């Protein structure tokens, strides 16, 4: 009898949900809310933000970005891909407010369980960037002609546009135009944090802080007065590489 009891106990342990990092066969909807800020404040178009040590006025009029292969990372190093490509527009035209949009996208049939992180590709990954808008259905994120740079044979991964008052005299004399593209500036970053995927659990928020996109690794501010645009030369991606590199520290993920 004791032997039977012992065998039964082993069976109970084997099938107990607490013994599995991921619940076999169970799936849930999982939502990511994408947000944009400047120095911790929700990004607002046409608002004057003090920039740099001199605090010159800086305004933003556009911020949009492509994200590739958004994946939940498992403890064993494997991953579950939520989406191959996403287009996030924080400043859509004809919006009813100057406050930045906060798109919330729900991904279906995500395996329930505990994950250890999130992986995001910043921009359009090379295998997709080798294609063009005509290769996709009209409702596909990569069907947008306005987001494709034919002279570079590349999508525009990220658009950041605005104006700045370089003399701090009330005149917005600099137009900022940062259009980052080409395989040379594509980046993949990972975020280590516990992520719980279960029915009824909240999703996560991915936040981009534009101030940090313009903050260098040594803490200094990027020289937007001298470098106020990305080059049209496909062989000159210096400015784009700086900004796309800074995306790593500009992004935070929370649940």
Protein backbone atom coordinates (compact mmCIF):
# COMPACT_ATOMS: atom_id res chain seq x y z
CA UNK A 1 0.00 0.00 0.00
CA UNK A 2 2.85 2.34 0.83
CA UNK A 3 4.36 1.63 -2.58
CA UNK A 4 1.12 2.54 -4.33
CA UNK A 5 0.86 5.76 -2.29
CA UNK A 6 4.41 6.72 -3.28
CA UNK A 7 3.73 6.11 -6.96
CA UNK A 8 0.53 8.16 -6.79
CA UNK A 9 2.41 11.05 -5.15
CA UNK A 10 4.97 11.04 -7.97
CA UNK A 11 2.15 11.14 -10.50
CA UNK A 12 0.57 14.15 -8.79
CA UNK A 13 3.88 16.01 -8.79
CA UNK A 14 4.46 15.22 -12.43
CA UNK A 15 1.16 16.71 -13.58
CA UNK A 16 1.11 19.63 -11.16
CA UNK A 17 1.01 22.99 -13.07
CA UNK A 18 3.50 24.44 -10.61
CA UNK A 19 6.19 22.16 -11.99
CA UNK A 20 6.00 23.61 -15.51
CA UNK A 21 7.48 26.90 -16.52
CA UNK A 22 4.94 27.06 -19.36
CA UNK A 23 1.45 25.63 -19.13
CA UNK A 24 1.22 23.04 -21.88
CA UNK A 25 -1.39 23.85 -24.49
CA UNK A 26 -2.78 26.96 -22.74
CA UNK A 27 -2.63 30.28 -24.57
CA UNK A 28 -3.65 33.82 -23.76
CA UNK A 29 -4.02 37.22 -25.39
CA UNK A 30 -0.99 39.38 -24.64
CA UNK A 31 -1.01 43.16 -25.11
CA UNK A 32 1.94 45.50 -25.60
CA UNK A 33 1.28 49.20 -25.18
CA UNK A 34 3.80 51.39 -26.97
CA UNK A 35 4.51 54.82 -25.46
CA UNK A 36 6.75 57.80 -26.17
CA UNK A 37 8.10 60.35 -23.72
CA UNK A 38 10.61 63.15 -23.38
CA UNK A 39 12.43 63.22 -20.06
CA UNK A 40 9.69 61.15 -18.45
CA UNK A 41 6.76 63.24 -19.78
CA UNK A 42 4.38 61.94 -22.40
CA UNK A 43 5.62 63.30 -25.72
CA UNK A 44 3.59 66.26 -26.96
CA UNK A 45 3.90 67.72 -30.43
CA UNK A 46 4.88 71.40 -30.73
CA UNK A 47 5.79 71.64 -27.06
CA UNK A 48 9.04 73.43 -26.20
CA UNK A 49 11.37 71.08 -24.34
CA UNK A 50 14.61 72.46 -22.87
CA UNK A 51 17.50 70.69 -24.58
CA UNK A 52 21.11 70.37 -23.57
CA UNK A 53 23.06 72.33 -20.99
CA UNK A 54 21.89 75.62 -22.54
CA UNK A 55 18.26 74.50 -22.42
CA UNK A 56 17.48 75.59 -25.97
CA UNK A 57 13.83 75.07 -26.98
CA UNK A 58 13.24 71.86 -28.91
CA UNK A 59 9.95 70.75 -30.48
CA UNK A 60 8.95 67.46 -32.05
CA UNK A 61 6.46 67.10 -34.89
CA UNK A 62 6.94 63.46 -35.82
CA UNK A 63 8.08 60.19 -34.27
CA UNK A 64 7.44 56.84 -35.89
CA UNK A 65 9.38 53.59 -35.99
CA UNK A 66 9.44 50.06 -37.33
CA UNK A 67 10.13 47.16 -34.97
CA UNK A 68 11.08 43.65 -36.11
CA UNK A 69 10.88 40.19 -34.54
CA UNK A 70 9.37 41.14 -31.20
CA UNK A 71 9.92 38.00 -29.11
CA UNK A 72 9.31 36.77 -25.60
CA UNK A 73 12.41 35.00 -24.28
CA UNK A 74 12.18 31.78 -22.28
CA UNK A 75 14.51 30.64 -19.51
CA UNK A 76 16.08 27.99 -21.73
CA UNK A 77 17.08 30.62 -24.30
CA UNK A 78 14.36 29.78 -26.80
CA UNK A 79 11.74 32.37 -27.70
CA UNK A 80 8.18 32.93 -28.87
CA UNK A 81 7.80 35.48 -31.66
CA UNK A 82 4.84 37.80 -31.20
CA UNK A 83 5.19 39.53 -34.56
CA UNK A 84 7.65 39.72 -37.43
CA UNK A 85 7.15 43.43 -38.10
CA UNK A 86 5.28 46.29 -36.46
CA UNK A 87 4.85 49.92 -37.49
CA UNK A 88 4.35 52.29 -34.57
CA UNK A 89 3.24 55.88 -35.28
CA UNK A 90 3.30 58.04 -32.17
CA UNK A 91 2.31 61.22 -34.04
CA UNK A 92 -0.39 60.28 -36.55
CA UNK A 93 -1.71 62.98 -38.84
CA UNK A 94 -5.15 64.42 -38.08
CA UNK A 95 -4.95 63.29 -34.45
CA UNK A 96 -7.44 64.98 -32.14
CA UNK A 97 -4.72 65.97 -29.66
CA UNK A 98 -1.05 66.93 -29.70
CA UNK A 99 -0.35 64.27 -27.09
CA UNK A 100 1.51 61.31 -28.56
CA UNK A 101 -0.50 58.21 -29.37
CA UNK A 102 -0.17 55.11 -27.19
CA UNK A 103 -0.90 52.20 -29.55
CA UNK A 104 -1.93 49.02 -27.73
CA UNK A 105 -1.52 45.90 -29.84
CA UNK A 106 -2.86 42.53 -28.70
CA UNK A 107 -1.06 39.40 -29.81
CA UNK A 108 -3.20 36.26 -29.91
CA UNK A 109 -2.50 32.69 -28.85
CA UNK A 110 0.62 33.36 -26.82
CA UNK A 111 1.70 30.31 -24.78
CA UNK A 112 0.96 30.91 -21.12
CA UNK A 113 3.83 30.83 -18.65
CA UNK A 114 6.75 32.72 -17.22
CA UNK A 115 9.23 34.43 -19.52
CA UNK A 116 12.57 36.02 -18.70
CA UNK A 117 12.77 38.87 -21.17
CA UNK A 118 11.85 40.59 -24.41
CA UNK A 119 13.81 40.92 -27.66
CA UNK A 120 13.18 43.72 -30.18
CA UNK A 121 14.77 44.52 -33.52
CA UNK A 122 14.94 48.27 -34.12
CA UNK A 123 14.08 48.95 -37.72
CA UNK A 124 13.28 46.54 -40.55
CA UNK A 125 15.35 43.36 -40.43
CA UNK A 126 17.52 42.70 -43.51
CA UNK A 127 15.39 39.87 -44.94
CA UNK A 128 12.37 42.18 -45.05
CA UNK A 129 14.34 45.33 -45.89
CA UNK A 130 15.45 43.60 -49.10
CA UNK A 131 11.84 43.84 -50.28
CA UNK A 132 9.68 46.83 -51.17
CA UNK A 133 6.11 48.05 -50.65
CA UNK A 134 4.90 46.32 -53.83
CA UNK A 135 5.79 42.96 -52.28
CA UNK A 136 3.14 43.27 -49.57
CA UNK A 137 -0.64 43.45 -49.30
CA UNK A 138 -2.11 46.92 -48.85
CA UNK A 139 -2.80 46.48 -45.14
CA UNK A 140 0.70 45.18 -44.34
CA UNK A 141 2.98 47.51 -42.30
CA UNK A 142 5.60 47.36 -45.09
CA UNK A 143 3.17 48.38 -47.84
CA UNK A 144 3.61 52.07 -46.92
CA UNK A 145 5.25 53.83 -49.88
CA UNK A 146 5.91 56.91 -47.76
CA UNK A 147 8.09 54.84 -45.43
CA UNK A 148 10.30 53.49 -48.22
CA UNK A 149 13.48 55.17 -49.49
CA UNK A 150 13.90 54.01 -53.10
CA UNK A 151 17.27 55.73 -53.53
CA UNK A 152 18.62 53.60 -50.68
CA UNK A 153 16.63 50.46 -51.48
CA UNK A 154 15.65 50.58 -47.83
CA UNK A 155 12.74 51.34 -45.58
CA UNK A 156 12.99 54.34 -43.28
CA UNK A 157 13.30 52.58 -39.96
CA UNK A 158 12.69 55.60 -37.75
CA UNK A 159 11.48 59.14 -38.40
CA UNK A 160 12.16 61.88 -35.86
CA UNK A 161 11.29 65.39 -37.00
CA UNK A 162 11.03 68.74 -35.25
CA UNK A 163 12.46 72.22 -34.80
CA UNK A 164 14.91 73.89 -32.44
CA UNK A 165 15.79 77.43 -31.39
CA UNK A 166 19.58 77.30 -31.55
CA UNK A 167 20.03 80.91 -30.32
CA UNK A 168 17.35 80.67 -27.65
CA UNK A 169 15.86 83.91 -28.96
CA UNK A 170 12.32 82.82 -29.73
CA UNK A 171 12.97 81.77 -33.32
CA UNK A 172 12.84 78.10 -34.29
CA UNK A 173 15.67 78.39 -36.81
CA UNK A 174 16.66 74.72 -37.18
CA UNK A 175 14.52 72.03 -38.78
CA UNK A 176 15.41 68.58 -37.49
CA UNK A 177 15.04 65.74 -39.98
CA UNK A 178 16.27 62.34 -38.83
CA UNK A 179 15.29 59.55 -41.21
CA UNK A 180 17.27 56.43 -40.27
CA UNK A 181 17.50 53.51 -42.65
CA UNK A 182 19.66 50.78 -44.26
CA UNK A 183 20.85 47.43 -42.93
CA UNK A 184 23.91 49.15 -41.44
CA UNK A 185 21.83 50.78 -38.70
CA UNK A 186 19.58 47.85 -37.80
CA UNK A 187 19.93 46.89 -34.12
CA UNK A 188 18.62 44.09 -31.91
CA UNK A 189 18.32 44.64 -28.17
CA UNK A 190 17.16 42.45 -25.29
CA UNK A 191 15.51 43.39 -22.01
CA UNK A 192 15.84 41.13 -18.98
CA UNK A 193 12.74 41.14 -16.80
CA UNK A 194 10.16 38.62 -15.59
CA UNK A 195 7.13 38.63 -17.87
CA UNK A 196 3.99 36.77 -16.83
CA UNK A 197 1.68 35.57 -19.59
CA UNK A 198 -1.59 34.28 -18.20
CA UNK A 199 -5.23 35.01 -18.89
CA UNK A 200 -6.18 37.99 -16.74
CA UNK A 201 -2.59 39.17 -16.27
CA UNK A 202 -1.69 42.66 -17.54
CA UNK A 203 0.44 42.99 -20.63
CA UNK A 204 3.61 45.06 -20.86
CA UNK A 205 4.49 48.62 -21.82
CA UNK A 206 7.38 49.47 -24.12
CA UNK A 207 8.35 53.11 -23.68
CA UNK A 208 10.72 55.21 -25.79
CA UNK A 209 12.17 58.38 -24.27
CA UNK A 210 13.34 60.78 -26.99
CA UNK A 211 15.61 62.66 -24.60
CA UNK A 212 17.66 59.49 -24.15
CA UNK A 213 17.79 58.91 -27.90
CA UNK A 214 19.72 62.18 -28.03
CA UNK A 215 21.87 61.42 -24.98
CA UNK A 216 25.32 59.98 -25.62
CA UNK A 217 26.93 57.14 -23.68
CA UNK A 218 29.01 59.63 -21.66
CA UNK A 219 25.91 61.57 -20.62
CA UNK A 220 26.44 64.49 -22.99
CA UNK A 221 23.74 65.71 -25.36
CA UNK A 222 23.98 65.06 -29.07
CA UNK A 223 24.91 68.15 -31.10
CA UNK A 224 21.63 68.74 -32.90
CA UNK A 225 22.74 72.23 -34.03
CA UNK A 226 25.58 70.84 -36.16
CA UNK A 227 24.00 67.47 -36.96
CA UNK A 228 20.36 68.34 -37.51
CA UNK A 229 19.60 65.88 -40.29
CA UNK A 230 20.53 62.48 -41.67
CA UNK A 231 22.47 62.46 -44.92
CA UNK A 232 20.87 61.57 -48.25
CA UNK A 233 24.06 59.71 -49.15
CA UNK A 234 23.49 55.96 -48.69
CA UNK A 235 27.14 55.59 -47.73
CA UNK A 236 26.89 58.15 -44.94
CA UNK A 237 24.95 56.70 -42.01
CA UNK A 238 26.98 58.27 -39.19
CA UNK A 239 24.10 60.26 -37.69
CA UNK A 240 21.63 57.40 -38.10
CA UNK A 241 24.02 54.98 -36.40
CA UNK A 242 24.29 57.27 -33.37
CA UNK A 243 20.54 57.58 -32.95
CA UNK A 244 19.76 53.91 -33.55
CA UNK A 245 22.49 52.92 -31.08
CA UNK A 246 20.91 55.17 -28.46
CA UNK A 247 17.57 53.38 -28.81
CA UNK A 248 18.87 50.75 -26.39
CA UNK A 249 19.02 53.11 -23.41
CA UNK A 250 16.00 55.06 -24.62
CA UNK A 251 13.68 52.07 -24.31
CA UNK A 252 12.26 50.60 -21.12
CA UNK A 253 9.94 47.65 -20.66
CA UNK A 254 7.58 47.24 -17.69
CA UNK A 255 4.73 44.93 -16.69
